[in-house]
């Protein structure tokens, strides 16, 4: 899954390209395309998932000066993806799930 085009009218494209991180769609592929479209305006929210898919995508978000938020291990059922991003030191904030809505609202207002 890719985001293509330029704001304010990007499109989502589904592809049958090779699997990345053993899956399709892959979060890394999607996030890289979002960074290409929105740059520093990206807010990545990593809530759950197995493995480290999303880590390289979050590295691209960080390099573009975007914002990354992940869920805490204590409030996660599966902490693989949020854990990988947190352990890599890429997160701007690591939050309990109960704090996510308020934080996303605050951060999106700051971005816009």
PDB file of N, CA and C in Angstrom:
ATOM      1  N   UNK A   1       0.856  -1.167   0.000  1.00  0.00           N
ATOM      2  CA  UNK A   1       0.000   0.000   0.000  1.00  0.00           C
ATOM      3  C   UNK A   1       0.901   1.229   0.000  1.00  0.00           C
ATOM      4  N   UNK A   2       0.639   2.118  -0.941  1.00  0.00           N
ATOM      5  CA  UNK A   2       1.441   3.324  -1.104  1.00  0.00           C
ATOM      6  C   UNK A   2       0.563   4.564  -1.096  1.00  0.00           C
ATOM      7  N   UNK A   3       1.119   5.649  -0.642  1.00  0.00           N
ATOM      8  CA  UNK A   3       0.493   6.956  -0.803  1.00  0.00           C
ATOM      9  C   UNK A   3       1.267   7.641  -1.922  1.00  0.00           C
ATOM     10  N   UNK A   4       0.545   8.070  -2.948  1.00  0.00           N
ATOM     11  CA  UNK A   4       1.184   8.695  -4.105  1.00  0.00           C
ATOM     12  C   UNK A   4       0.582  10.061  -4.364  1.00  0.00           C
ATOM     13  N   UNK A   5       1.342  10.891  -5.051  1.00  0.00           N
ATOM     14  CA  UNK A   5       0.864  12.212  -5.397  1.00  0.00           C
ATOM     15  C   UNK A   5       1.307  13.232  -4.374  1.00  0.00           C
ATOM     16  N   UNK A   6       0.688  14.399  -4.454  1.00  0.00           N
ATOM     17  CA  UNK A   6       1.071  15.499  -3.579  1.00  0.00           C
ATOM     18  C   UNK A   6      -0.152  16.022  -2.833  1.00  0.00           C
ATOM     19  N   UNK A   7       0.074  16.530  -1.622  1.00  0.00           N
ATOM     20  CA  UNK A   7      -1.028  17.157  -0.909  1.00  0.00           C
ATOM     21  C   UNK A   7      -1.555  18.330  -1.718  1.00  0.00           C
ATOM     22  N   UNK A   8      -2.793  18.637  -1.740  1.00  0.00           N
ATOM     23  CA  UNK A   8      -3.799  18.111  -0.820  1.00  0.00           C
ATOM     24  C   UNK A   8      -4.567  16.918  -1.381  1.00  0.00           C
ATOM     25  N   UNK A   9      -4.131  16.331  -2.505  1.00  0.00           N
ATOM     26  CA  UNK A   9      -4.906  15.258  -3.137  1.00  0.00           C
ATOM     27  C   UNK A   9      -4.114  13.993  -3.402  1.00  0.00           C
ATOM     28  N   UNK A  10      -3.417  13.449  -2.421  1.00  0.00           N
ATOM     29  CA  UNK A  10      -2.717  12.190  -2.664  1.00  0.00           C
ATOM     30  C   UNK A  10      -3.716  11.041  -2.800  1.00  0.00           C
ATOM     31  N   UNK A  11      -3.261   9.945  -3.358  1.00  0.00           N
ATOM     32  CA  UNK A  11      -4.100   8.762  -3.495  1.00  0.00           C
ATOM     33  C   UNK A  11      -3.415   7.568  -2.834  1.00  0.00           C
ATOM     34  N   UNK A  12      -4.216   6.580  -2.502  1.00  0.00           N
ATOM     35  CA  UNK A  12      -3.691   5.330  -1.965  1.00  0.00           C
ATOM     36  C   UNK A  12      -3.701   4.314  -3.089  1.00  0.00           C
ATOM     37  N   UNK A  13      -2.576   3.630  -3.249  1.00  0.00           N
ATOM     38  CA  UNK A  13      -2.443   2.637  -4.312  1.00  0.00           C
ATOM     39  C   UNK A  13      -2.069   1.293  -3.690  1.00  0.00           C
ATOM     40  N   UNK A  14      -2.794   0.263  -4.038  1.00  0.00           N
ATOM     41  CA  UNK A  14      -2.459  -1.090  -3.604  1.00  0.00           C
ATOM     42  C   UNK A  14      -1.635  -1.748  -4.695  1.00  0.00           C
ATOM     43  N   UNK A  15      -0.538  -2.374  -4.313  1.00  0.00           N
ATOM     44  CA  UNK A  15       0.332  -3.025  -5.288  1.00  0.00           C
ATOM     45  C   UNK A  15       0.489  -4.502  -4.951  1.00  0.00           C
ATOM     46  N   UNK A  16       1.012  -5.218  -5.896  1.00  0.00           N
ATOM     47  CA  UNK A  16       1.342  -6.628  -5.682  1.00  0.00           C
ATOM     48  C   UNK A  16       2.856  -6.821  -5.737  1.00  0.00           C
ATOM     49  N   UNK A  17       3.589  -5.794  -5.312  1.00  0.00           N
ATOM     50  CA  UNK A  17       5.043  -5.875  -5.306  1.00  0.00           C
ATOM     51  C   UNK A  17       5.493  -6.952  -4.316  1.00  0.00           C
ATOM     52  N   UNK A  18       6.783  -7.258  -4.342  1.00  0.00           N
ATOM     53  CA  UNK A  18       7.306  -8.296  -3.459  1.00  0.00           C
ATOM     54  C   UNK A  18       7.052  -7.959  -1.994  1.00  0.00           C
ATOM     55  N   UNK A  19       6.908  -8.995  -1.201  1.00  0.00           N
ATOM     56  CA  UNK A  19       6.703  -8.814   0.231  1.00  0.00           C
ATOM     57  C   UNK A  19       7.952  -8.189   0.860  1.00  0.00           C
ATOM     58  N   UNK A  20       7.727  -7.349   1.840  1.00  0.00           N
ATOM     59  CA  UNK A  20       8.795  -6.744   2.628  1.00  0.00           C
ATOM     60  C   UNK A  20       8.530  -7.144   4.073  1.00  0.00           C
ATOM     61  N   UNK A  21       9.557  -7.592   4.763  1.00  0.00           N
ATOM     62  CA  UNK A  21       9.383  -8.085   6.140  1.00  0.00           C
ATOM     63  C   UNK A  21       8.370  -9.225   6.183  1.00  0.00           C
ATOM     64  N   UNK A  22       8.352 -10.018   5.144  1.00  0.00           N
ATOM     65  CA  UNK A  22       7.483 -11.188   5.025  1.00  0.00           C
ATOM     66  C   UNK A  22       6.001 -10.853   4.926  1.00  0.00           C
ATOM     67  N   UNK A  23       5.668  -9.608   4.585  1.00  0.00           N
ATOM     68  CA  UNK A  23       4.251  -9.271   4.501  1.00  0.00           C
ATOM     69  C   UNK A  23       3.966  -8.258   3.395  1.00  0.00           C
ATOM     70  N   UNK A  24       2.725  -8.220   3.015  1.00  0.00           N
ATOM     71  CA  UNK A  24       2.211  -7.238   2.065  1.00  0.00           C
ATOM     72  C   UNK A  24       0.755  -7.017   2.415  1.00  0.00           C
ATOM     73  N   UNK A  25       0.337  -5.841   2.740  1.00  0.00           N
ATOM     74  CA  UNK A  25       1.123  -4.606   2.724  1.00  0.00           C
ATOM     75  C   UNK A  25       2.106  -4.566   3.888  1.00  0.00           C
ATOM     76  N   UNK A  26       3.195  -3.847   3.693  1.00  0.00           N
ATOM     77  CA  UNK A  26       4.218  -3.686   4.717  1.00  0.00           C
ATOM     78  C   UNK A  26       4.206  -2.241   5.211  1.00  0.00           C
ATOM     79  N   UNK A  27       4.313  -2.073   6.514  1.00  0.00           N
ATOM     80  CA  UNK A  27       4.299  -0.744   7.111  1.00  0.00           C
ATOM     81  C   UNK A  27       5.494   0.081   6.633  1.00  0.00           C
ATOM     82  N   UNK A  28       6.676  -0.547   6.507  1.00  0.00           N
ATOM     83  CA  UNK A  28       7.848   0.194   6.048  1.00  0.00           C
ATOM     84  C   UNK A  28       7.618   0.820   4.677  1.00  0.00           C
ATOM     85  N   UNK A  29       7.072   0.055   3.758  1.00  0.00           N
ATOM     86  CA  UNK A  29       6.812   0.551   2.405  1.00  0.00           C
ATOM     87  C   UNK A  29       5.802   1.703   2.455  1.00  0.00           C
ATOM     88  N   UNK A  30       4.724   1.505   3.190  1.00  0.00           N
ATOM     89  CA  UNK A  30       3.693   2.527   3.288  1.00  0.00           C
ATOM     90  C   UNK A  30       4.260   3.811   3.908  1.00  0.00           C
ATOM     91  N   UNK A  31       5.006   3.677   5.012  1.00  0.00           N
ATOM     92  CA  UNK A  31       5.523   4.863   5.688  1.00  0.00           C
ATOM     93  C   UNK A  31       6.529   5.621   4.823  1.00  0.00           C
ATOM     94  N   UNK A  32       7.362   4.912   4.090  1.00  0.00           N
ATOM     95  CA  UNK A  32       8.300   5.596   3.197  1.00  0.00           C
ATOM     96  C   UNK A  32       7.558   6.408   2.149  1.00  0.00           C
ATOM     97  N   UNK A  33       6.456   5.879   1.646  1.00  0.00           N
ATOM     98  CA  UNK A  33       5.682   6.630   0.648  1.00  0.00           C
ATOM     99  C   UNK A  33       4.980   7.830   1.287  1.00  0.00           C
ATOM    100  N   UNK A  34       4.557   7.691   2.523  1.00  0.00           N
ATOM    101  CA  UNK A  34       3.926   8.814   3.231  1.00  0.00           C
ATOM    102  C   UNK A  34       4.949   9.917   3.485  1.00  0.00           C
ATOM    103  N   UNK A  35       6.161   9.535   3.875  1.00  0.00           N
ATOM    104  CA  UNK A  35       7.222  10.528   4.086  1.00  0.00           C
ATOM    105  C   UNK A  35       7.536  11.246   2.784  1.00  0.00           C
ATOM    106  N   UNK A  36       7.575  10.512   1.674  1.00  0.00           N
ATOM    107  CA  UNK A  36       7.842  11.141   0.375  1.00  0.00           C
ATOM    108  C   UNK A  36       6.766  12.171   0.041  1.00  0.00           C
ATOM    109  N   UNK A  37       5.556  11.933   0.487  1.00  0.00           N
ATOM    110  CA  UNK A  37       4.433  12.825   0.199  1.00  0.00           C
ATOM    111  C   UNK A  37       4.364  13.996   1.181  1.00  0.00           C
ATOM    112  N   UNK A  38       4.528  13.726   2.475  1.00  0.00           N
ATOM    113  CA  UNK A  38       4.264  14.734   3.507  1.00  0.00           C
ATOM    114  C   UNK A  38       5.491  15.235   4.267  1.00  0.00           C
ATOM    115  N   UNK A  39       6.612  14.577   4.153  1.00  0.00           N
ATOM    116  CA  UNK A  39       7.832  15.024   4.823  1.00  0.00           C
ATOM    117  C   UNK A  39       7.671  15.207   6.314  1.00  0.00           C
ATOM    118  N   UNK A  40       8.039  16.388   6.814  1.00  0.00           N
ATOM    119  CA  UNK A  40       8.003  16.674   8.246  1.00  0.00           C
ATOM    120  C   UNK A  40       6.588  16.699   8.809  1.00  0.00           C
ATOM    121  N   UNK A  41       5.580  16.688   7.960  1.00  0.00           N
ATOM    122  CA  UNK A  41       4.197  16.703   8.422  1.00  0.00           C
ATOM    123  C   UNK A  41       3.659  15.341   8.816  1.00  0.00           C
ATOM    124  N   UNK A  42       4.493  14.310   8.813  1.00  0.00           N
ATOM    125  CA  UNK A  42       4.036  12.954   9.140  1.00  0.00           C
ATOM    126  C   UNK A  42       3.949  12.770  10.655  1.00  0.00           C
ATOM    127  N   UNK A  43       2.835  12.212  11.091  1.00  0.00           N
ATOM    128  CA  UNK A  43       2.663  11.741  12.456  1.00  0.00           C
ATOM    129  C   UNK A  43       2.476  10.234  12.371  1.00  0.00           C
ATOM    130  N   UNK A  44       3.477   9.477  12.805  1.00  0.00           N
ATOM    131  CA  UNK A  44       3.409   8.015  12.815  1.00  0.00           C
ATOM    132  C   UNK A  44       2.975   7.558  14.197  1.00  0.00           C
ATOM    133  N   UNK A  45       1.938   6.730  14.245  1.00  0.00           N
ATOM    134  CA  UNK A  45       1.429   6.197  15.507  1.00  0.00           C
ATOM    135  C   UNK A  45       1.521   4.678  15.422  1.00  0.00           C
ATOM    136  N   UNK A  46       2.379   4.097  16.241  1.00  0.00           N
ATOM    137  CA  UNK A  46       2.618   2.660  16.224  1.00  0.00           C
ATOM    138  C   UNK A  46       1.938   2.060  17.453  1.00  0.00           C
ATOM    139  N   UNK A  47       0.861   1.316  17.208  1.00  0.00           N
ATOM    140  CA  UNK A  47       0.057   0.795  18.313  1.00  0.00           C
ATOM    141  C   UNK A  47       0.331  -0.661  18.640  1.00  0.00           C
ATOM    142  N   UNK A  48       0.495  -1.507  17.628  1.00  0.00           N
ATOM    143  CA  UNK A  48       0.650  -2.929  17.879  1.00  0.00           C
ATOM    144  C   UNK A  48       1.228  -3.597  16.645  1.00  0.00           C
ATOM    145  N   UNK A  49       1.629  -4.814  16.775  1.00  0.00           N
ATOM    146  CA  UNK A  49       2.109  -5.585  15.637  1.00  0.00           C
ATOM    147  C   UNK A  49       3.316  -6.418  16.005  1.00  0.00           C
ATOM    148  N   UNK A  50       3.481  -7.510  15.275  1.00  0.00           N
ATOM    149  CA  UNK A  50       4.584  -8.430  15.526  1.00  0.00           C
ATOM    150  C   UNK A  50       5.789  -8.041  14.683  1.00  0.00           C
ATOM    151  N   UNK A  51       6.956  -8.344  15.178  1.00  0.00           N
ATOM    152  CA  UNK A  51       8.173  -8.126  14.421  1.00  0.00           C
ATOM    153  C   UNK A  51       8.603  -6.666  14.427  1.00  0.00           C
ATOM    154  N   UNK A  52       9.390  -6.310  13.412  1.00  0.00           N
ATOM    155  CA  UNK A  52       9.907  -4.948  13.370  1.00  0.00           C
ATOM    156  C   UNK A  52       9.483  -4.203  12.112  1.00  0.00           C
ATOM    157  N   UNK A  53       8.434  -4.680  11.418  1.00  0.00           N
ATOM    158  CA  UNK A  53       7.913  -3.925  10.289  1.00  0.00           C
ATOM    159  C   UNK A  53       7.473  -2.564  10.810  1.00  0.00           C
ATOM    160  N   UNK A  54       7.916  -1.514  10.163  1.00  0.00           N
ATOM    161  CA  UNK A  54       7.636  -0.164  10.611  1.00  0.00           C
ATOM    162  C   UNK A  54       8.870   0.537  11.159  1.00  0.00           C
ATOM    163  N   UNK A  55       9.887  -0.226  11.540  1.00  0.00           N
ATOM    164  CA  UNK A  55      11.100   0.377  12.087  1.00  0.00           C
ATOM    165  C   UNK A  55      11.813   1.235  11.047  1.00  0.00           C
ATOM    166  N   UNK A  56      12.042   0.687   9.859  1.00  0.00           N
ATOM    167  CA  UNK A  56      12.725   1.462   8.813  1.00  0.00           C
ATOM    168  C   UNK A  56      11.864   2.634   8.352  1.00  0.00           C
ATOM    169  N   UNK A  57      10.565   2.431   8.309  1.00  0.00           N
ATOM    170  CA  UNK A  57       9.661   3.528   7.971  1.00  0.00           C
ATOM    171  C   UNK A  57       9.725   4.639   8.999  1.00  0.00           C
ATOM    172  N   UNK A  58       9.807   4.273  10.266  1.00  0.00           N
ATOM    173  CA  UNK A  58       9.929   5.285  11.324  1.00  0.00           C
ATOM    174  C   UNK A  58      11.289   5.971  11.273  1.00  0.00           C
ATOM    175  N   UNK A  59      12.321   5.257  10.854  1.00  0.00           N
ATOM    176  CA  UNK A  59      13.613   5.917  10.657  1.00  0.00           C
ATOM    177  C   UNK A  59      13.484   7.006   9.595  1.00  0.00           C
ATOM    178  N   UNK A  60      12.738   6.724   8.535  1.00  0.00           N
ATOM    179  CA  UNK A  60      12.513   7.727   7.483  1.00  0.00           C
ATOM    180  C   UNK A  60      11.696   8.905   8.027  1.00  0.00           C
ATOM    181  N   UNK A  61      10.707   8.622   8.865  1.00  0.00           N
ATOM    182  CA  UNK A  61       9.912   9.692   9.491  1.00  0.00           C
ATOM    183  C   UNK A  61      10.825  10.576  10.335  1.00  0.00           C
ATOM    184  N   UNK A  62      11.672   9.966  11.146  1.00  0.00           N
ATOM    185  CA  UNK A  62      12.582  10.729  12.007  1.00  0.00           C
ATOM    186  C   UNK A  62      13.557  11.568  11.171  1.00  0.00           C
ATOM    187  N   UNK A  63      14.096  10.986  10.112  1.00  0.00           N
ATOM    188  CA  UNK A  63      15.022  11.718   9.238  1.00  0.00           C
ATOM    189  C   UNK A  63      14.349  12.919   8.588  1.00  0.00           C
ATOM    190  N   UNK A  64      13.046  12.818   8.346  1.00  0.00           N
ATOM    191  CA  UNK A  64      12.292  13.913   7.723  1.00  0.00           C
ATOM    192  C   UNK A  64      11.786  14.911   8.772  1.00  0.00           C
ATOM    193  N   UNK A  65      12.139  14.699  10.029  1.00  0.00           N
ATOM    194  CA  UNK A  65      11.681  15.541  11.147  1.00  0.00           C
ATOM    195  C   UNK A  65      10.187  15.427  11.400  1.00  0.00           C
ATOM    196  N   UNK A  66       9.620  14.245  11.083  1.00  0.00           N
ATOM    197  CA  UNK A  66       8.236  13.963  11.444  1.00  0.00           C
ATOM    198  C   UNK A  66       8.159  13.585  12.913  1.00  0.00           C
ATOM    199  N   UNK A  67       6.984  13.182  13.348  1.00  0.00           N
ATOM    200  CA  UNK A  67       6.733  12.857  14.750  1.00  0.00           C
ATOM    201  C   UNK A  67       6.329  11.395  14.871  1.00  0.00           C
ATOM    202  N   UNK A  68       6.853  10.719  15.890  1.00  0.00           N
ATOM    203  CA  UNK A  68       6.572   9.291  16.100  1.00  0.00           C
ATOM    204  C   UNK A  68       6.085   9.077  17.529  1.00  0.00           C
ATOM    205  N   UNK A  69       4.958   8.398  17.643  1.00  0.00           N
ATOM    206  CA  UNK A  69       4.373   8.047  18.936  1.00  0.00           C
ATOM    207  C   UNK A  69       4.157   6.536  18.947  1.00  0.00           C
ATOM    208  N   UNK A  70       4.505   5.891  20.042  1.00  0.00           N
ATOM    209  CA  UNK A  70       4.287   4.452  20.175  1.00  0.00           C
ATOM    210  C   UNK A  70       3.579   4.154  21.488  1.00  0.00           C
ATOM    211  N   UNK A  71       2.970   3.008  21.514  1.00  0.00           N
ATOM    212  CA  UNK A  71       2.240   2.537  22.689  1.00  0.00           C
ATOM    213  C   UNK A  71       3.201   1.858  23.664  1.00  0.00           C
ATOM    214  N   UNK A  72       2.935   1.970  24.948  1.00  0.00           N
ATOM    215  CA  UNK A  72       3.777   1.344  25.967  1.00  0.00           C
ATOM    216  C   UNK A  72       3.638  -0.175  25.936  1.00  0.00           C
ATOM    217  N   UNK A  73       4.663  -0.831  26.414  1.00  0.00           N
ATOM    218  CA  UNK A  73       4.631  -2.286  26.506  1.00  0.00           C
ATOM    219  C   UNK A  73       3.513  -2.735  27.451  1.00  0.00           C
ATOM    220  N   UNK A  74       3.320  -2.009  28.534  1.00  0.00           N
ATOM    221  CA  UNK A  74       2.334  -2.394  29.547  1.00  0.00           C
ATOM    222  C   UNK A  74       0.903  -2.390  29.010  1.00  0.00           C
ATOM    223  N   UNK A  75       0.611  -1.559  28.026  1.00  0.00           N
ATOM    224  CA  UNK A  75      -0.762  -1.491  27.511  1.00  0.00           C
ATOM    225  C   UNK A  75      -0.909  -2.193  26.163  1.00  0.00           C
ATOM    226  N   UNK A  76       0.133  -2.899  25.722  1.00  0.00           N
ATOM    227  CA  UNK A  76       0.095  -3.585  24.427  1.00  0.00           C
ATOM    228  C   UNK A  76      -0.169  -5.071  24.599  1.00  0.00           C
ATOM    229  N   UNK A  77      -0.928  -5.622  23.683  1.00  0.00           N
ATOM    230  CA  UNK A  77      -1.082  -7.073  23.619  1.00  0.00           C
ATOM    231  C   UNK A  77       0.150  -7.653  22.936  1.00  0.00           C
ATOM    232  N   UNK A  78       0.552  -7.028  21.826  1.00  0.00           N
ATOM    233  CA  UNK A  78       1.756  -7.410  21.095  1.00  0.00           C
ATOM    234  C   UNK A  78       2.613  -6.156  20.978  1.00  0.00           C
ATOM    235  N   UNK A  79       3.828  -6.187  21.525  1.00  0.00           N
ATOM    236  CA  UNK A  79       4.664  -4.989  21.569  1.00  0.00           C
ATOM    237  C   UNK A  79       5.825  -5.055  20.579  1.00  0.00           C
ATOM    238  N   UNK A  80       5.751  -5.963  19.607  1.00  0.00           N
ATOM    239  CA  UNK A  80       6.851  -6.127  18.664  1.00  0.00           C
ATOM    240  C   UNK A  80       7.172  -4.857  17.898  1.00  0.00           C
ATOM    241  N   UNK A  81       6.223  -4.351  17.132  1.00  0.00           N
ATOM    242  CA  UNK A  81       6.467  -3.156  16.324  1.00  0.00           C
ATOM    243  C   UNK A  81       6.682  -1.909  17.181  1.00  0.00           C
ATOM    244  N   UNK A  82       5.790  -1.601  18.141  1.00  0.00           N
ATOM    245  CA  UNK A  82       6.071  -0.431  18.969  1.00  0.00           C
ATOM    246  C   UNK A  82       7.363  -0.594  19.774  1.00  0.00           C
ATOM    247  N   UNK A  83       7.664  -1.819  20.184  1.00  0.00           N
ATOM    248  CA  UNK A  83       8.894  -2.074  20.936  1.00  0.00           C
ATOM    249  C   UNK A  83      10.133  -1.827  20.106  1.00  0.00           C
ATOM    250  N   UNK A  84      10.121  -2.259  18.852  1.00  0.00           N
ATOM    251  CA  UNK A  84      11.273  -2.057  17.973  1.00  0.00           C
ATOM    252  C   UNK A  84      11.551  -0.571  17.766  1.00  0.00           C
ATOM    253  N   UNK A  85      10.490   0.195  17.565  1.00  0.00           N
ATOM    254  CA  UNK A  85      10.636   1.638  17.331  1.00  0.00           C
ATOM    255  C   UNK A  85      11.077   2.338  18.619  1.00  0.00           C
ATOM    256  N   UNK A  86      10.517   1.915  19.745  1.00  0.00           N
ATOM    257  CA  UNK A  86      10.886   2.503  21.038  1.00  0.00           C
ATOM    258  C   UNK A  86      12.337   2.189  21.375  1.00  0.00           C
ATOM    259  N   UNK A  87      12.718   0.924  21.239  1.00  0.00           N
ATOM    260  CA  UNK A  87      14.086   0.510  21.567  1.00  0.00           C
ATOM    261  C   UNK A  87      15.121   1.190  20.671  1.00  0.00           C
ATOM    262  N   UNK A  88      14.731   1.544  19.454  1.00  0.00           N
ATOM    263  CA  UNK A  88      15.646   2.237  18.539  1.00  0.00           C
ATOM    264  C   UNK A  88      15.799   3.715  18.888  1.00  0.00           C
ATOM    265  N   UNK A  89      15.010   4.187  19.848  1.00  0.00           N
ATOM    266  CA  UNK A  89      15.109   5.577  20.280  1.00  0.00           C
ATOM    267  C   UNK A  89      14.488   6.567  19.309  1.00  0.00           C
ATOM    268  N   UNK A  90      13.524   6.114  18.513  1.00  0.00           N
ATOM    269  CA  UNK A  90      12.928   6.965  17.486  1.00  0.00           C
ATOM    270  C   UNK A  90      11.687   7.724  17.947  1.00  0.00           C
ATOM    271  N   UNK A  91      11.129   7.340  19.077  1.00  0.00           N
ATOM    272  CA  UNK A  91       9.841   7.896  19.499  1.00  0.00           C
ATOM    273  C   UNK A  91       9.972   9.277  20.131  1.00  0.00           C
ATOM    274  N   UNK A  92       9.059  10.136  19.751  1.00  0.00           N
ATOM    275  CA  UNK A  92       8.929  11.419  20.431  1.00  0.00           C
ATOM    276  C   UNK A  92       8.183  11.231  21.747  1.00  0.00           C
ATOM    277  N   UNK A  93       7.249  10.278  21.741  1.00  0.00           N
ATOM    278  CA  UNK A  93       6.495   9.969  22.955  1.00  0.00           C
ATOM    279  C   UNK A  93       6.144   8.480  22.953  1.00  0.00           C
ATOM    280  N   UNK A  94       6.157   7.869  24.131  1.00  0.00           N
ATOM    281  CA  UNK A  94       5.697   6.491  24.341  1.00  0.00           C
ATOM    282  C   UNK A  94       4.597   6.584  25.386  1.00  0.00           C
ATOM    283  N   UNK A  95       3.390   6.181  24.994  1.00  0.00           N
ATOM    284  CA  UNK A  95       2.212   6.478  25.804  1.00  0.00           C
ATOM    285  C   UNK A  95       1.353   5.266  26.087  1.00  0.00           C
ATOM    286  N   UNK A  96       0.654   5.313  27.223  1.00  0.00           N
ATOM    287  CA  UNK A  96      -0.410   4.345  27.487  1.00  0.00           C
ATOM    288  C   UNK A  96      -1.521   4.592  26.478  1.00  0.00           C
ATOM    289  N   UNK A  97      -2.246   3.554  26.158  1.00  0.00           N
ATOM    290  CA  UNK A  97      -3.306   3.668  25.155  1.00  0.00           C
ATOM    291  C   UNK A  97      -4.339   4.728  25.551  1.00  0.00           C
ATOM    292  N   UNK A  98      -4.589   4.895  26.838  1.00  0.00           N
ATOM    293  CA  UNK A  98      -5.579   5.875  27.291  1.00  0.00           C
ATOM    294  C   UNK A  98      -5.172   7.313  26.956  1.00  0.00           C
ATOM    295  N   UNK A  99      -3.885   7.558  26.739  1.00  0.00           N
ATOM    296  CA  UNK A  99      -3.388   8.903  26.426  1.00  0.00           C
ATOM    297  C   UNK A  99      -3.333   9.187  24.928  1.00  0.00           C
ATOM    298  N   UNK A 100      -3.508   8.175  24.105  1.00  0.00           N
ATOM    299  CA  UNK A 100      -3.283   8.317  22.662  1.00  0.00           C
ATOM    300  C   UNK A 100      -4.201   9.347  22.004  1.00  0.00           C
ATOM    301  N   UNK A 101      -5.490   9.275  22.249  1.00  0.00           N
ATOM    302  CA  UNK A 101      -6.430  10.162  21.573  1.00  0.00           C
ATOM    303  C   UNK A 101      -6.125  11.629  21.816  1.00  0.00           C
ATOM    304  N   UNK A 102      -5.938  11.986  23.071  1.00  0.00           N
ATOM    305  CA  UNK A 102      -5.637  13.373  23.438  1.00  0.00           C
ATOM    306  C   UNK A 102      -4.309  13.817  22.831  1.00  0.00           C
ATOM    307  N   UNK A 103      -3.318  12.938  22.835  1.00  0.00           N
ATOM    308  CA  UNK A 103      -2.002  13.284  22.301  1.00  0.00           C
ATOM    309  C   UNK A 103      -2.046  13.443  20.794  1.00  0.00           C
ATOM    310  N   UNK A 104      -2.732  12.550  20.103  1.00  0.00           N
ATOM    311  CA  UNK A 104      -2.840  12.650  18.641  1.00  0.00           C
ATOM    312  C   UNK A 104      -3.553  13.961  18.273  1.00  0.00           C
ATOM    313  N   UNK A 105      -4.592  14.301  19.015  1.00  0.00           N
ATOM    314  CA  UNK A 105      -5.290  15.551  18.762  1.00  0.00           C
ATOM    315  C   UNK A 105      -4.355  16.745  18.943  1.00  0.00           C
ATOM    316  N   UNK A 106      -3.592  16.759  20.018  1.00  0.00           N
ATOM    317  CA  UNK A 106      -2.652  17.855  20.287  1.00  0.00           C
ATOM    318  C   UNK A 106      -1.591  17.938  19.199  1.00  0.00           C
ATOM    319  N   UNK A 107      -1.030  16.796  18.804  1.00  0.00           N
ATOM    320  CA  UNK A 107       0.035  16.808  17.804  1.00  0.00           C
ATOM    321  C   UNK A 107      -0.463  17.181  16.420  1.00  0.00           C
ATOM    322  N   UNK A 108      -1.649  16.752  16.050  1.00  0.00           N
ATOM    323  CA  UNK A 108      -2.158  17.114  14.727  1.00  0.00           C
ATOM    324  C   UNK A 108      -2.490  18.602  14.656  1.00  0.00           C
ATOM    325  N   UNK A 109      -2.936  19.173  15.748  1.00  0.00           N
ATOM    326  CA  UNK A 109      -3.159  20.620  15.760  1.00  0.00           C
ATOM    327  C   UNK A 109      -1.841  21.370  15.606  1.00  0.00           C
ATOM    328  N   UNK A 110      -0.781  20.843  16.198  1.00  0.00           N
ATOM    329  CA  UNK A 110       0.538  21.477  16.085  1.00  0.00           C
ATOM    330  C   UNK A 110       1.084  21.373  14.671  1.00  0.00           C
ATOM    331  N   UNK A 111       0.842  20.249  13.996  1.00  0.00           N
ATOM    332  CA  UNK A 111       1.317  20.035  12.629  1.00  0.00           C
ATOM    333  C   UNK A 111       0.576  20.915  11.650  1.00  0.00           C
ATOM    334  N   UNK A 112      -0.748  21.003  11.840  1.00  0.00           N
ATOM    335  CA  UNK A 112      -1.564  21.776  10.913  1.00  0.00           C
ATOM    336  C   UNK A 112      -1.359  23.241  11.159  1.00  0.00           C
TER     337      UNK A 112
END
